[in-house]
C-alpha atoms as a PDB file:
ATOM      1  CA  MET A   1     251.072 131.830 102.096  1.00  0.00           C
ATOM      2  CA  HIS A   2     249.268 134.740 100.287  1.00  0.00           C
ATOM      3  CA  GLU A   3     245.752 134.908 100.330  1.00  0.00           C
ATOM      4  CA  SER A   4     245.459 135.541  96.684  1.00  0.00           C
ATOM      5  CA  VAL A   5     246.820 131.605  96.235  1.00  0.00           C
ATOM      6  CA  PHE A   6     243.524 130.438  98.639  1.00  0.00           C
ATOM      7  CA  THR A   7     241.376 132.498  96.154  1.00  0.00           C
ATOM      8  CA  VAL A   8     242.864 130.979  92.794  1.00  0.00           C
ATOM      9  CA  ALA A   9     242.685 127.514  94.551  1.00  0.00           C
ATOM     10  CA  LYS A  10     239.344 127.732  95.699  1.00  0.00           C
ATOM     11  CA  HIS A  11     238.252 128.114  91.806  1.00  0.00           C
ATOM     12  CA  PHE A  12     240.788 125.140  90.851  1.00  0.00           C
ATOM     13  CA  PRO A  13     240.640 122.858  93.725  1.00  0.00           C
ATOM     14  CA  ASN A  14     242.595 119.695  92.157  1.00  0.00           C
ATOM     15  CA  HIS A  15     245.423 121.849  91.541  1.00  0.00           C
ATOM     16  CA  ARG A  16     245.965 123.819  94.769  1.00  0.00           C
ATOM     17  CA  PRO A  17     249.662 122.017  94.819  1.00  0.00           C
ATOM     18  CA  LEU A  18     250.459 123.315  91.466  1.00  0.00           C
ATOM     19  CA  ILE A  19     249.189 126.679  92.385  1.00  0.00           C
ATOM     20  CA  GLN A  20     251.019 126.950  95.515  1.00  0.00           C
ATOM     21  CA  SER A  21     254.443 125.877  93.760  1.00  0.00           C
ATOM     22  CA  LEU A  22     253.395 128.251  90.850  1.00  0.00           C
ATOM     23  CA  PHE A  23     252.818 131.158  92.944  1.00  0.00           C
ATOM     24  CA  ARG A  24     256.238 130.517  94.596  1.00  0.00           C
ATOM     25  CA  SER A  25     258.192 130.221  91.081  1.00  0.00           C
ATOM     26  CA  SER A  26     256.415 132.002  88.568  1.00  0.00           C
ATOM     27  CA  PRO A  27     256.232 135.930  88.520  1.00  0.00           C
ATOM     28  CA  VAL A  28     254.019 136.225  86.242  1.00  0.00           C
ATOM     29  CA  PHE A  29     251.513 133.339  87.814  1.00  0.00           C
ATOM     30  CA  ARG A  30     252.035 135.358  90.882  1.00  0.00           C
ATOM     31  CA  GLU A  31     250.823 138.649  89.383  1.00  0.00           C
ATOM     32  CA  THR A  32     247.890 136.750  88.125  1.00  0.00           C
ATOM     33  CA  CYS A  33     246.811 135.776  91.366  1.00  0.00           C
ATOM     34  CA  LEU A  34     247.537 139.013  93.077  1.00  0.00           C
ATOM     35  CA  ASP A  35     245.142 140.471  90.161  1.00  0.00           C
ATOM     36  CA  TYR A  36     242.692 138.114  90.343  1.00  0.00           C
ATOM     37  CA  HIS A  37     242.386 138.327  94.311  1.00  0.00           C
ATOM     38  CA  LYS A  38     241.774 142.147  93.922  1.00  0.00           C
ATOM     39  CA  CYS A  39     239.298 142.016  90.887  1.00  0.00           C
ATOM     40  CA  SER A  40     237.430 139.095  92.967  1.00  0.00           C
ATOM     41  CA  LYS A  41     237.481 141.603  95.999  1.00  0.00           C
ATOM     42  CA  ALA A  42     236.204 144.477  93.634  1.00  0.00           C
ATOM     43  CA  LEU A  43     233.464 142.574  92.312  1.00  0.00           C
ATOM     44  CA  HIS A  44     232.436 141.784  95.578  1.00  0.00           C
ATOM     45  CA  TYR A  45     232.078 145.598  96.720  1.00  0.00           C
ATOM     46  CA  TRP A  46     230.487 146.073  93.635  1.00  0.00           C
ATOM     47  CA  SER A  47     227.865 143.297  94.049  1.00  0.00           C
ATOM     48  CA  ASN A  48     227.062 144.509  97.488  1.00  0.00           C
ATOM     49  CA  SER A  49     227.024 148.385  96.386  1.00  0.00           C
ATOM     50  CA  SER A  50     223.351 150.449  95.525  1.00  0.00           C
ATOM     51  CA  SER A  51     225.335 153.185  93.791  1.00  0.00           C
ATOM     52  CA  GLN A  52     223.961 154.057  89.841  1.00  0.00           C
ATOM     53  CA  GLU A  53     227.840 152.777  88.784  1.00  0.00           C
ATOM     54  CA  ALA A  54     227.423 149.196  90.597  1.00  0.00           C
ATOM     55  CA  SER A  55     225.554 147.467  87.753  1.00  0.00           C
ATOM     56  CA  PHE A  56     228.350 148.937  85.036  1.00  0.00           C
ATOM     57  CA  ARG A  57     231.282 148.111  87.653  1.00  0.00           C
ATOM     58  CA  ARG A  58     229.620 144.526  87.969  1.00  0.00           C
ATOM     59  CA  GLN A  59     229.961 143.853  84.707  1.00  0.00           C
ATOM     60  CA  GLU A  60     233.075 145.209  84.208  1.00  0.00           C
ATOM     61  CA  TYR A  61     234.818 143.194  87.086  1.00  0.00           C
ATOM     62  CA  SER A  62     233.025 140.115  85.900  1.00  0.00           C
ATOM     63  CA  VAL A  63     234.349 140.363  82.615  1.00  0.00           C
ATOM     64  CA  LEU A  64     237.934 141.087  84.060  1.00  0.00           C
ATOM     65  CA  LEU A  65     237.889 138.154  86.233  1.00  0.00           C
ATOM     66  CA  GLN A  66     236.923 135.523  83.739  1.00  0.00           C
ATOM     67  CA  GLU A  67     239.574 136.754  81.570  1.00  0.00           C
ATOM     68  CA  LEU A  68     241.963 136.423  84.501  1.00  0.00           C
ATOM     69  CA  LYS A  69     240.156 132.900  85.273  1.00  0.00           C
ATOM     70  CA  GLN A  70     241.736 131.770  81.528  1.00  0.00           C
ATOM     71  CA  GLU A  71     245.193 133.041  82.393  1.00  0.00           C
ATOM     72  CA  LEU A  72     245.533 131.127  85.367  1.00  0.00           C
ATOM     73  CA  LEU A  73     244.031 128.020  83.851  1.00  0.00           C
ATOM     74  CA  GLN A  74     246.242 128.412  80.904  1.00  0.00           C
ATOM     75  CA  CYS A  75     249.066 128.598  82.651  1.00  0.00           C
ATOM     76  CA  ILE A  76     248.161 125.256  84.880  1.00  0.00           C
ATOM     77  CA  ARG A  77     247.697 123.765  81.549  1.00  0.00           C
ATOM     78  CA  LEU A  78     250.601 124.768  80.529  1.00  0.00           C
ATOM     79  CA  TYR A  79     252.465 123.575  83.479  1.00  0.00           C
ATOM     80  CA  ASP A  80     250.852 120.268  83.613  1.00  0.00           C
ATOM     81  CA  GLY A  81     251.507 119.896  80.240  1.00  0.00           C
ATOM     82  CA  ASP A  82     255.694 120.136  80.208  1.00  0.00           C
ATOM     83  CA  ARG A  83     255.178 117.940  83.632  1.00  0.00           C
ATOM     84  CA  ALA A  84     253.456 115.307  81.972  1.00  0.00           C
ATOM     85  CA  VAL A  85     255.934 115.698  78.698  1.00  0.00           C
ATOM     86  CA  SER A  86     259.143 115.677  81.173  1.00  0.00           C
ATOM     87  CA  ASN A  87     257.486 112.598  82.781  1.00  0.00           C
ATOM     88  CA  ILE A  88     256.963 110.713  79.470  1.00  0.00           C
ATOM     89  CA  GLN A  89     260.367 111.286  78.747  1.00  0.00           C
ATOM     90  CA  ASN A  90     262.049 110.371  81.728  1.00  0.00           C
ATOM     91  CA  LYS A  91     260.253 107.068  81.679  1.00  0.00           C
ATOM     92  CA  GLY A  92     261.506 106.543  77.904  1.00  0.00           C
ATOM     93  CA  GLU A  93     265.057 107.324  79.123  1.00  0.00           C
ATOM     94  CA  ASN A  94     264.877 105.029  81.844  1.00  0.00           C
ATOM     95  CA  LYS A  95     263.974 102.153  79.665  1.00  0.00           C
ATOM     96  CA  GLY A  96     267.003 102.566  77.695  1.00  0.00           C
END
């Protein structure tokens, strides 16, 4: 599994199996994970830099990281919601 999965799963530990599944099955989710991982590494780099632009870059990457985190959370919630609806529908069909 790509290291980006572990980076994302660290922030959403209750959804680790779902994250792994979505990473394998959803190109959009996979790309967002990869972007999140790259952004996280860049933020770490700029957090340890003493260059003049470091403060600006830290702020820039921090905002971007939060936006990507929200995107990932939205995907997770959407999939969880779809799965919950499917489970409810399946239970209803089994009663009939």
